[in-house]
C-alpha atoms as a PDB file:
ATOM      1  CA  MET A   1     306.321  13.775  64.338  1.00  0.00           C
ATOM      2  CA  ILE A   2     308.897  11.992  62.200  1.00  0.00           C
ATOM      3  CA  GLU A   3     309.669  13.600  58.791  1.00  0.00           C
ATOM      4  CA  ILE A   4     311.645  11.710  56.352  1.00  0.00           C
ATOM      5  CA  LYS A   5     312.748  13.839  53.478  1.00  0.00           C
ATOM      6  CA  GLY A   6     314.400  12.127  50.539  1.00  0.00           C
ATOM      7  CA  ILE A   7     316.836  10.114  52.487  1.00  0.00           C
ATOM      8  CA  SER A   8     319.137   7.533  50.817  1.00  0.00           C
ATOM      9  CA  LYS A   9     321.615   4.624  52.126  1.00  0.00           C
ATOM     10  CA  ARG A  10     323.911   2.508  50.402  1.00  0.00           C
ATOM     11  CA  PHE A  11     326.216  -0.386  51.655  1.00  0.00           C
ATOM     12  CA  GLY A  12     328.709  -0.603  49.052  1.00  0.00           C
ATOM     13  CA  THR A  13     327.152  -1.269  45.780  1.00  0.00           C
ATOM     14  CA  VAL A  14     323.730  -2.092  47.486  1.00  0.00           C
ATOM     15  CA  GLU A  15     321.050   0.823  47.554  1.00  0.00           C
ATOM     16  CA  ALA A  16     319.029   0.081  50.726  1.00  0.00           C
ATOM     17  CA  SER A  17     317.074   3.204  50.676  1.00  0.00           C
ATOM     18  CA  ASN A  18     316.603   5.548  47.668  1.00  0.00           C
ATOM     19  CA  ASN A  19     314.918   8.904  48.161  1.00  0.00           C
ATOM     20  CA  VAL A  20     312.573   7.871  50.671  1.00  0.00           C
ATOM     21  CA  THR A  21     310.028  10.534  51.792  1.00  0.00           C
ATOM     22  CA  LEU A  22     307.430   9.789  54.468  1.00  0.00           C
ATOM     23  CA  ASP A  23     305.664  11.606  57.338  1.00  0.00           C
ATOM     24  CA  ILE A  24     304.656   9.831  60.445  1.00  0.00           C
ATOM     25  CA  GLN A  25     302.231  11.720  62.579  1.00  0.00           C
ATOM     26  CA  ASP A  26     301.968  11.619  66.412  1.00  0.00           C
ATOM     27  CA  GLY A  27     299.631   9.317  68.016  1.00  0.00           C
ATOM     28  CA  GLN A  28     299.048   7.047  64.873  1.00  0.00           C
ATOM     29  CA  ILE A  29     300.134   3.323  64.494  1.00  0.00           C
ATOM     30  CA  PHE A  30     302.124   3.443  61.312  1.00  0.00           C
ATOM     31  CA  GLY A  31     302.432   0.142  59.460  1.00  0.00           C
ATOM     32  CA  LEU A  32     305.445  -0.341  57.355  1.00  0.00           C
ATOM     33  CA  LEU A  33     305.153  -3.004  54.573  1.00  0.00           C
ATOM     34  CA  GLY A  34     307.676  -3.946  51.909  1.00  0.00           C
ATOM     35  CA  THR A  35     308.888  -6.696  49.477  1.00  0.00           C
ATOM     36  CA  ASN A  36     311.882  -8.577  50.516  1.00  0.00           C
ATOM     37  CA  GLY A  37     314.956  -6.502  50.514  1.00  0.00           C
ATOM     38  CA  ALA A  38     312.974  -3.306  50.231  1.00  0.00           C
ATOM     39  CA  GLY A  39     314.982  -1.616  52.982  1.00  0.00           C
ATOM     40  CA  LYS A  40     312.499  -1.580  55.890  1.00  0.00           C
ATOM     41  CA  SER A  41     315.055  -2.616  58.577  1.00  0.00           C
ATOM     42  CA  THR A  42     317.476  -0.038  57.113  1.00  0.00           C
ATOM     43  CA  LEU A  43     314.855   2.581  57.337  1.00  0.00           C
ATOM     44  CA  LEU A  44     313.977   1.764  60.981  1.00  0.00           C
ATOM     45  CA  ARG A  45     317.433   2.011  61.948  1.00  0.00           C
ATOM     46  CA  MET A  46     317.783   5.359  60.560  1.00  0.00           C
ATOM     47  CA  MET A  47     314.599   6.450  62.217  1.00  0.00           C
ATOM     48  CA  SER A  48     316.197   5.087  65.637  1.00  0.00           C
ATOM     49  CA  GLY A  49     319.569   6.977  64.988  1.00  0.00           C
ATOM     50  CA  VAL A  50     321.505   3.565  64.635  1.00  0.00           C
ATOM     51  CA  LEU A  51     322.516   4.506  60.947  1.00  0.00           C
ATOM     52  CA  LYS A  52     323.038   7.906  59.432  1.00  0.00           C
ATOM     53  CA  PRO A  53     321.466   8.655  56.087  1.00  0.00           C
ATOM     54  CA  ASP A  54     323.931   9.295  53.228  1.00  0.00           C
ATOM     55  CA  GLY A  55     321.474  11.923  51.904  1.00  0.00           C
ATOM     56  CA  GLY A  56     318.380  13.595  52.677  1.00  0.00           C
ATOM     57  CA  GLU A  57     317.102  14.832  56.047  1.00  0.00           C
ATOM     58  CA  LEU A  58     315.361  12.724  58.892  1.00  0.00           C
ATOM     59  CA  LEU A  59     314.012  14.747  61.720  1.00  0.00           C
ATOM     60  CA  VAL A  60     312.201  13.555  64.903  1.00  0.00           C
ATOM     61  CA  ASP A  61     310.186  16.335  66.213  1.00  0.00           C
ATOM     62  CA  GLY A  62     312.309  18.742  64.350  1.00  0.00           C
ATOM     63  CA  GLN A  63     315.636  17.583  65.185  1.00  0.00           C
ATOM     64  CA  ASP A  64     318.212  15.300  63.570  1.00  0.00           C
ATOM     65  CA  VAL A  65     318.143  11.888  65.299  1.00  0.00           C
ATOM     66  CA  PHE A  66     321.725  10.498  64.464  1.00  0.00           C
ATOM     67  CA  ASP A  67     324.222  11.351  67.183  1.00  0.00           C
ATOM     68  CA  ASN A  68     321.529  13.244  69.215  1.00  0.00           C
ATOM     69  CA  PRO A  69     321.159  11.491  72.757  1.00  0.00           C
ATOM     70  CA  ASP A  70     318.271  13.789  73.739  1.00  0.00           C
ATOM     71  CA  VAL A  71     316.144  12.702  70.670  1.00  0.00           C
ATOM     72  CA  LYS A  72     317.199   9.180  71.002  1.00  0.00           C
ATOM     73  CA  SER A  73     316.045   9.034  74.597  1.00  0.00           C
ATOM     74  CA  ASN A  74     312.568   9.481  73.300  1.00  0.00           C
ATOM     75  CA  ILE A  75     312.830   6.483  70.992  1.00  0.00           C
ATOM     76  CA  PHE A  76     312.880   2.812  71.753  1.00  0.00           C
ATOM     77  CA  TYR A  77     313.883   0.391  68.975  1.00  0.00           C
ATOM     78  CA  ILE A  78     312.907  -3.393  68.990  1.00  0.00           C
ATOM     79  CA  SER A  79     315.113  -5.010  66.209  1.00  0.00           C
ATOM     80  CA  ASP A  80     314.038  -8.129  64.303  1.00  0.00           C
ATOM     81  CA  ASP A  81     317.052  -9.993  65.645  1.00  0.00           C
ATOM     82  CA  GLN A  82     317.205  -8.999  69.208  1.00  0.00           C
ATOM     83  CA  PHE A  83     320.602  -8.868  71.205  1.00  0.00           C
ATOM     84  CA  TYR A  84     320.835  -9.395  74.850  1.00  0.00           C
ATOM     85  CA  PHE A  85     324.092  -9.334  76.956  1.00  0.00           C
ATOM     86  CA  PRO A  86     325.387 -12.971  77.747  1.00  0.00           C
ATOM     87  CA  ASN A  87     324.232 -14.425  80.950  1.00  0.00           C
ATOM     88  CA  VAL A  88     322.172 -11.352  82.026  1.00  0.00           C
ATOM     89  CA  THR A  89     318.824 -11.770  83.792  1.00  0.00           C
ATOM     90  CA  VAL A  90     315.617  -9.924  83.048  1.00  0.00           C
ATOM     91  CA  LEU A  91     316.294  -7.406  86.107  1.00  0.00           C
ATOM     92  CA  ASP A  92     319.930  -6.967  84.609  1.00  0.00           C
ATOM     93  CA  MET A  93     318.340  -5.775  81.478  1.00  0.00           C
ATOM     94  CA  MET A  94     315.876  -3.395  83.228  1.00  0.00           C
ATOM     95  CA  ALA A  95     318.750  -1.825  85.201  1.00  0.00           C
ATOM     96  CA  PHE A  96     320.662  -1.221  81.862  1.00  0.00           C
ATOM     97  CA  TYR A  97     317.746   0.515  80.093  1.00  0.00           C
ATOM     98  CA  LYS A  98     316.946   2.527  83.117  1.00  0.00           C
ATOM     99  CA  VAL A  99     320.292   4.265  82.710  1.00  0.00           C
ATOM    100  CA  TYR A 100     319.365   5.532  79.087  1.00  0.00           C
ATOM    101  CA  TYR A 101     315.655   5.904  79.727  1.00  0.00           C
ATOM    102  CA  PRO A 102     315.172   8.058  82.787  1.00  0.00           C
ATOM    103  CA  ASP A 103     311.401   7.793  82.779  1.00  0.00           C
ATOM    104  CA  PHE A 104     311.408   3.963  82.731  1.00  0.00           C
ATOM    105  CA  ASP A 105     308.666   2.708  85.030  1.00  0.00           C
ATOM    106  CA  GLU A 106     310.080  -0.093  87.107  1.00  0.00           C
ATOM    107  CA  LYS A 107     306.972  -0.625  89.073  1.00  0.00           C
ATOM    108  CA  ARG A 108     304.823  -1.108  86.083  1.00  0.00           C
ATOM    109  CA  PHE A 109     307.414  -3.359  84.427  1.00  0.00           C
ATOM    110  CA  ARG A 110     307.611  -5.782  87.425  1.00  0.00           C
ATOM    111  CA  LYS A 111     303.708  -5.864  87.292  1.00  0.00           C
ATOM    112  CA  PHE A 112     304.052  -6.874  83.626  1.00  0.00           C
ATOM    113  CA  LEU A 113     306.462  -9.585  84.354  1.00  0.00           C
ATOM    114  CA  LEU A 114     303.990 -11.223  86.714  1.00  0.00           C
ATOM    115  CA  ARG A 115     301.010 -10.840  84.418  1.00  0.00           C
ATOM    116  CA  PHE A 116     303.078 -12.183  81.390  1.00  0.00           C
ATOM    117  CA  ASP A 117     304.487 -14.947  83.549  1.00  0.00           C
ATOM    118  CA  LEU A 118     308.166 -13.874  82.926  1.00  0.00           C
ATOM    119  CA  ASP A 119     310.556 -14.933  85.629  1.00  0.00           C
ATOM    120  CA  SER A 120     312.588 -11.747  86.493  1.00  0.00           C
ATOM    121  CA  LYS A 121     315.681 -13.536  87.805  1.00  0.00           C
ATOM    122  CA  ARG A 122     315.845 -15.932  84.807  1.00  0.00           C
ATOM    123  CA  LYS A 123     318.658 -15.729  82.290  1.00  0.00           C
ATOM    124  CA  VAL A 124     317.298 -14.003  79.147  1.00  0.00           C
ATOM    125  CA  ARG A 125     319.240 -16.422  76.856  1.00  0.00           C
ATOM    126  CA  THR A 126     317.076 -19.320  78.117  1.00  0.00           C
ATOM    127  CA  PHE A 127     313.909 -17.671  77.057  1.00  0.00           C
ATOM    128  CA  SER A 128     312.061 -18.784  73.910  1.00  0.00           C
ATOM    129  CA  LYS A 129     311.804 -16.480  70.912  1.00  0.00           C
ATOM    130  CA  GLY A 130     308.413 -15.522  71.856  1.00  0.00           C
ATOM    131  CA  MET A 131     309.464 -14.906  75.259  1.00  0.00           C
ATOM    132  CA  LYS A 132     312.278 -12.619  74.224  1.00  0.00           C
ATOM    133  CA  LYS A 133     309.921 -10.643  71.992  1.00  0.00           C
ATOM    134  CA  GLN A 134     307.479 -10.261  74.754  1.00  0.00           C
ATOM    135  CA  LEU A 135     310.354  -8.979  77.006  1.00  0.00           C
ATOM    136  CA  SER A 136     311.415  -6.410  74.490  1.00  0.00           C
ATOM    137  CA  ILE A 137     307.926  -4.995  73.882  1.00  0.00           C
ATOM    138  CA  LEU A 138     307.244  -4.676  77.658  1.00  0.00           C
ATOM    139  CA  MET A 139     310.642  -2.941  78.115  1.00  0.00           C
ATOM    140  CA  GLY A 140     309.730  -0.659  75.266  1.00  0.00           C
ATOM    141  CA  ILE A 141     306.413   0.195  76.720  1.00  0.00           C
ATOM    142  CA  CYS A 142     307.779   0.903  80.210  1.00  0.00           C
ATOM    143  CA  ALA A 143     310.708   3.038  78.889  1.00  0.00           C
ATOM    144  CA  GLY A 144     308.099   5.765  78.556  1.00  0.00           C
ATOM    145  CA  THR A 145     309.359   6.932  75.179  1.00  0.00           C
ATOM    146  CA  LYS A 146     307.262   8.868  72.654  1.00  0.00           C
ATOM    147  CA  TYR A 147     308.249   6.514  69.739  1.00  0.00           C
ATOM    148  CA  LEU A 148     308.218   2.832  69.816  1.00  0.00           C
ATOM    149  CA  ILE A 149     310.012   1.350  66.508  1.00  0.00           C
ATOM    150  CA  CYS A 150     309.373  -2.327  66.047  1.00  0.00           C
ATOM    151  CA  ASP A 151     310.751  -4.720  63.375  1.00  0.00           C
ATOM    152  CA  GLU A 152     308.607  -7.877  62.994  1.00  0.00           C
ATOM    153  CA  THR A 153     306.798  -6.970  66.419  1.00  0.00           C
ATOM    154  CA  PHE A 154     304.511 -10.095  66.336  1.00  0.00           C
ATOM    155  CA  ASP A 155     306.934 -12.659  65.084  1.00  0.00           C
ATOM    156  CA  GLY A 156     307.007 -15.489  67.409  1.00  0.00           C
ATOM    157  CA  LEU A 157     304.148 -14.638  69.521  1.00  0.00           C
ATOM    158  CA  ASP A 158     301.180 -16.869  70.029  1.00  0.00           C
ATOM    159  CA  PRO A 159     297.654 -15.556  69.050  1.00  0.00           C
ATOM    160  CA  VAL A 160     296.711 -14.824  72.737  1.00  0.00           C
ATOM    161  CA  MET A 161     299.849 -12.890  73.417  1.00  0.00           C
ATOM    162  CA  ARG A 162     299.385 -11.034  70.010  1.00  0.00           C
ATOM    163  CA  GLN A 163     296.111  -9.810  71.057  1.00  0.00           C
ATOM    164  CA  GLY A 164     297.504  -8.804  74.464  1.00  0.00           C
ATOM    165  CA  ILE A 165     300.295  -6.713  72.991  1.00  0.00           C
ATOM    166  CA  LYS A 166     297.844  -4.960  70.458  1.00  0.00           C
ATOM    167  CA  SER A 167     295.862  -4.031  73.511  1.00  0.00           C
ATOM    168  CA  LEU A 168     298.715  -2.670  75.423  1.00  0.00           C
ATOM    169  CA  LEU A 169     299.722  -0.551  72.365  1.00  0.00           C
ATOM    170  CA  VAL A 170     296.243   1.006  71.835  1.00  0.00           C
ATOM    171  CA  LYS A 171     296.053   1.778  75.645  1.00  0.00           C
ATOM    172  CA  GLU A 172     299.313   3.564  75.504  1.00  0.00           C
ATOM    173  CA  ILE A 173     298.238   5.595  72.383  1.00  0.00           C
ATOM    174  CA  ASP A 174     295.085   6.666  74.228  1.00  0.00           C
ATOM    175  CA  GLU A 175     296.578   7.359  77.513  1.00  0.00           C
ATOM    176  CA  ARG A 176     299.982   9.020  76.807  1.00  0.00           C
ATOM    177  CA  GLY A 177     300.137   9.577  72.952  1.00  0.00           C
ATOM    178  CA  LEU A 178     302.647   6.860  72.098  1.00  0.00           C
ATOM    179  CA  THR A 179     303.440   6.559  68.371  1.00  0.00           C
ATOM    180  CA  PRO A 180     304.211   2.982  67.415  1.00  0.00           C
ATOM    181  CA  ILE A 181     306.005   2.282  64.080  1.00  0.00           C
ATOM    182  CA  ILE A 182     305.688  -1.401  62.980  1.00  0.00           C
ATOM    183  CA  ALA A 183     307.344  -3.193  60.306  1.00  0.00           C
ATOM    184  CA  SER A 184     306.036  -6.646  59.546  1.00  0.00           C
ATOM    185  CA  HIS A 185     305.572  -9.155  56.885  1.00  0.00           C
ATOM    186  CA  ASN A 186     302.331 -10.411  58.927  1.00  0.00           C
ATOM    187  CA  LEU A 187     299.729  -8.315  56.933  1.00  0.00           C
ATOM    188  CA  ARG A 188     296.724  -9.555  58.862  1.00  0.00           C
ATOM    189  CA  GLU A 189     298.240  -8.208  62.066  1.00  0.00           C
ATOM    190  CA  LEU A 190     299.005  -4.899  60.651  1.00  0.00           C
ATOM    191  CA  GLU A 191     295.394  -4.676  59.157  1.00  0.00           C
ATOM    192  CA  ASP A 192     293.941  -5.241  62.577  1.00  0.00           C
ATOM    193  CA  ILE A 193     295.801  -2.430  64.341  1.00  0.00           C
ATOM    194  CA  CYS A 194     297.306   0.251  61.896  1.00  0.00           C
ATOM    195  CA  ASP A 195     296.071   3.636  61.080  1.00  0.00           C
ATOM    196  CA  HIS A 196     298.408   4.408  58.218  1.00  0.00           C
ATOM    197  CA  ILE A 197     300.377   2.240  55.815  1.00  0.00           C
ATOM    198  CA  GLY A 198     303.733   2.886  53.970  1.00  0.00           C
ATOM    199  CA  LEU A 199     304.628   0.498  51.204  1.00  0.00           C
ATOM    200  CA  LEU A 200     308.200   0.073  50.348  1.00  0.00           C
ATOM    201  CA  HIS A 201     309.822  -1.542  47.180  1.00  0.00           C
ATOM    202  CA  LYS A 202     313.472  -1.746  46.149  1.00  0.00           C
ATOM    203  CA  GLY A 203     314.307   1.064  48.605  1.00  0.00           C
ATOM    204  CA  GLY A 204     311.813   3.499  47.564  1.00  0.00           C
ATOM    205  CA  VAL A 205     308.134   4.254  48.562  1.00  0.00           C
ATOM    206  CA  LEU A 206     305.435   3.142  46.576  1.00  0.00           C
ATOM    207  CA  LEU A 207     302.576   4.443  48.569  1.00  0.00           C
ATOM    208  CA  SER A 208     301.977   6.125  52.011  1.00  0.00           C
ATOM    209  CA  ARG A 209     298.127   6.475  52.944  1.00  0.00           C
ATOM    210  CA  GLU A 210     295.543   6.090  55.694  1.00  0.00           C
ATOM    211  CA  LEU A 211     294.585   2.469  55.686  1.00  0.00           C
ATOM    212  CA  GLU A 212     290.839   3.336  55.439  1.00  0.00           C
ATOM    213  CA  ASP A 213     291.361   5.639  52.405  1.00  0.00           C
ATOM    214  CA  LEU A 214     293.477   2.858  50.682  1.00  0.00           C
ATOM    215  CA  LYS A 215     290.882   0.258  51.158  1.00  0.00           C
ATOM    216  CA  SER A 216     287.921   2.561  50.042  1.00  0.00           C
ATOM    217  CA  ASN A 217     289.665   3.289  46.700  1.00  0.00           C
ATOM    218  CA  LEU A 218     290.804  -0.008  45.542  1.00  0.00           C
ATOM    219  CA  LEU A 219     287.922  -2.586  45.204  1.00  0.00           C
ATOM    220  CA  LYS A 220     287.448  -6.051  43.957  1.00  0.00           C
ATOM    221  CA  VAL A 221     284.440  -6.687  41.786  1.00  0.00           C
ATOM    222  CA  GLN A 222     282.905  -9.982  40.649  1.00  0.00           C
ATOM    223  CA  CYS A 223     280.302  -9.911  38.025  1.00  0.00           C
ATOM    224  CA  VAL A 224     278.797 -12.089  35.159  1.00  0.00           C
ATOM    225  CA  LEU A 225     279.040 -10.191  31.958  1.00  0.00           C
ATOM    226  CA  PRO A 226     279.039 -10.950  28.155  1.00  0.00           C
ATOM    227  CA  GLU A 227     282.691 -10.836  26.563  1.00  0.00           C
ATOM    228  CA  GLU A 228     281.746  -7.916  24.361  1.00  0.00           C
ATOM    229  CA  ALA A 229     281.648  -5.706  27.541  1.00  0.00           C
ATOM    230  CA  ASP A 230     285.261  -6.341  28.481  1.00  0.00           C
ATOM    231  CA  GLU A 231     286.886  -3.583  26.299  1.00  0.00           C
ATOM    232  CA  ARG A 232     284.231  -1.089  27.297  1.00  0.00           C
ATOM    233  CA  ILE A 233     284.644  -1.843  31.064  1.00  0.00           C
ATOM    234  CA  ARG A 234     288.402  -1.411  30.743  1.00  0.00           C
ATOM    235  CA  PHE A 235     287.927   1.986  29.070  1.00  0.00           C
ATOM    236  CA  LEU A 236     285.533   3.445  31.547  1.00  0.00           C
ATOM    237  CA  LEU A 237     287.266   2.138  34.746  1.00  0.00           C
ATOM    238  CA  GLU A 238     290.739   2.205  35.818  1.00  0.00           C
ATOM    239  CA  VAL A 239     291.228  -1.599  36.107  1.00  0.00           C
ATOM    240  CA  ALA A 240     294.393  -2.699  37.882  1.00  0.00           C
ATOM    241  CA  LYS A 241     293.665  -6.342  37.327  1.00  0.00           C
ATOM    242  CA  PHE A 242     291.091  -8.176  35.048  1.00  0.00           C
ATOM    243  CA  GLU A 243     290.492 -11.816  34.938  1.00  0.00           C
ATOM    244  CA  ARG A 244     287.691 -13.816  33.070  1.00  0.00           C
ATOM    245  CA  ARG A 245     286.838 -17.512  33.651  1.00  0.00           C
ATOM    246  CA  GLY A 246     283.934 -18.272  31.420  1.00  0.00           C
ATOM    247  CA  LYS A 247     281.205 -15.769  32.118  1.00  0.00           C
ATOM    248  CA  LEU A 248     282.507 -14.618  35.551  1.00  0.00           C
ATOM    249  CA  VAL A 249     284.610 -11.458  35.557  1.00  0.00           C
ATOM    250  CA  THR A 250     287.010 -10.650  38.392  1.00  0.00           C
ATOM    251  CA  MET A 251     288.423  -7.217  38.450  1.00  0.00           C
ATOM    252  CA  ILE A 252     290.392  -5.023  40.825  1.00  0.00           C
ATOM    253  CA  VAL A 253     289.500  -1.375  40.262  1.00  0.00           C
ATOM    254  CA  ARG A 254     290.882   1.975  41.414  1.00  0.00           C
ATOM    255  CA  ALA A 255     287.684   3.870  42.276  1.00  0.00           C
ATOM    256  CA  ASP A 256     285.214   4.245  45.104  1.00  0.00           C
ATOM    257  CA  ALA A 257     282.323   1.566  45.257  1.00  0.00           C
ATOM    258  CA  ASP A 258     279.574   3.910  44.258  1.00  0.00           C
ATOM    259  CA  SER A 259     281.430   4.785  40.927  1.00  0.00           C
ATOM    260  CA  VAL A 260     282.425   1.270  40.192  1.00  0.00           C
ATOM    261  CA  MET A 261     279.013  -0.075  40.913  1.00  0.00           C
ATOM    262  CA  SER A 262     277.331   2.581  38.627  1.00  0.00           C
ATOM    263  CA  VAL A 263     279.515   1.762  35.642  1.00  0.00           C
ATOM    264  CA  VAL A 264     279.316  -1.858  36.012  1.00  0.00           C
ATOM    265  CA  ASN A 265     275.390  -2.080  36.552  1.00  0.00           C
ATOM    266  CA  SER A 266     274.985  -0.044  33.463  1.00  0.00           C
ATOM    267  CA  PHE A 267     275.812  -3.254  31.542  1.00  0.00           C
ATOM    268  CA  ASP A 268     273.044  -5.061  33.124  1.00  0.00           C
ATOM    269  CA  PRO A 269     275.078  -7.743  34.767  1.00  0.00           C
ATOM    270  CA  VAL A 270     273.418 -10.974  35.658  1.00  0.00           C
ATOM    271  CA  TYR A 271     275.190 -10.942  38.842  1.00  0.00           C
ATOM    272  CA  CYS A 272     277.538  -8.373  40.582  1.00  0.00           C
ATOM    273  CA  GLU A 273     279.357  -7.970  44.040  1.00  0.00           C
ATOM    274  CA  ALA A 274     281.728  -5.564  45.390  1.00  0.00           C
ATOM    275  CA  ILE A 275     284.233  -7.047  47.884  1.00  0.00           C
ATOM    276  CA  PRO A 276     286.611  -4.863  49.897  1.00  0.00           C
ATOM    277  CA  LEU A 277     290.214  -5.994  49.545  1.00  0.00           C
ATOM    278  CA  SER A 278     292.361  -7.294  52.567  1.00  0.00           C
ATOM    279  CA  LEU A 279     295.723  -5.626  52.990  1.00  0.00           C
ATOM    280  CA  GLU A 280     297.503  -8.605  51.656  1.00  0.00           C
ATOM    281  CA  GLU A 281     295.529  -8.269  48.333  1.00  0.00           C
ATOM    282  CA  ILE A 282     296.388  -4.580  48.274  1.00  0.00           C
ATOM    283  CA  PHE A 283     300.050  -5.304  48.700  1.00  0.00           C
ATOM    284  CA  ILE A 284     300.079  -7.858  45.887  1.00  0.00           C
ATOM    285  CA  CYS A 285     298.128  -5.435  43.567  1.00  0.00           C
ATOM    286  CA  GLU A 286     300.314  -2.556  44.203  1.00  0.00           C
ATOM    287  CA  THR A 287     303.580  -4.547  43.906  1.00  0.00           C
ATOM    288  CA  GLU A 288     302.473  -6.258  40.633  1.00  0.00           C
ATOM    289  CA  VAL A 289     302.330  -2.903  39.055  1.00  0.00           C
ATOM    290  CA  VAL A 290     306.027  -2.409  39.395  1.00  0.00           C
ATOM    291  CA  GLY A 291     306.707  -6.000  38.219  1.00  0.00           C
ATOM    292  CA  TYR A 292     306.812  -7.917  41.641  1.00  0.00           C
ATOM    293  CA  ASP A 293     304.705 -10.640  40.282  1.00  0.00           C
ATOM    294  CA  ILE A 294     304.472 -14.416  41.232  1.00  0.00           C
ATOM    295  CA  LYS A 295     304.111 -15.167  37.436  1.00  0.00           C
ATOM    296  CA  ASN A 296     307.697 -13.950  37.210  1.00  0.00           C
ATOM    297  CA  LEU A 297     308.819 -16.147  40.023  1.00  0.00           C
ATOM    298  CA  ILE A 298     307.608 -19.567  38.849  1.00  0.00           C
ATOM    299  CA  PHE A 299     309.101 -21.238  35.765  1.00  0.00           C
END
């Protein structure tokens, strides 16, 4: 389990993390979302022990991670901007990681190279962005760590490869209890695979909830109602967003579907439909509340 308790991190005058508190349970896929500059990458680097928090406490299985080789040996971190030594081959990188990860499964890694059509003797610098990402993920899986921390995991991968990597992650969770933490701007990818979502904004945590719970308590409703019902609807429901176009009303409401439909149906609408929100719509809705609104970006 990863416990993040009120941590903060500054770079000069820039506050990258501010009182961040999160719990990441073992065996779940934790998706980390955030607005641009929200501090996702900084948080991942602190989780992996690359950076030390200025304040607060960050524990991995009950121990501080920074400057702790024993804890770090159970964490594999894949950065967004991947680094490889100049002129190394795939096998050179494997040999390097085997020094730091004693449980690295070389036999399995070589099988993956064949399956993913990656030449073991080829210079890594000649690989495409997607191939480098594949290589990093395969190394992370074969390192045998408990935690796999990924920054923009699916960036650069084609659709077939994305599905293949997702299947591998799910298999690792089922077979040995791997805990992946995945930060991404590709919300569709996270929606397909994640159990829990954490949302960051301006260095702080807006929310941290199970994905299914998040979806079940935020609902889009489209209905045909007379204008005189608008004020009463807003009073009876916790409406996060309300839009009327002629007789058609579109609302995003914070409540379960049964409660919302019971209230709306009491107005005898001509038409009414409840639509589950996508993760992207949830992201937009939650960040609009704190002023991160497209209307403020367009002049």
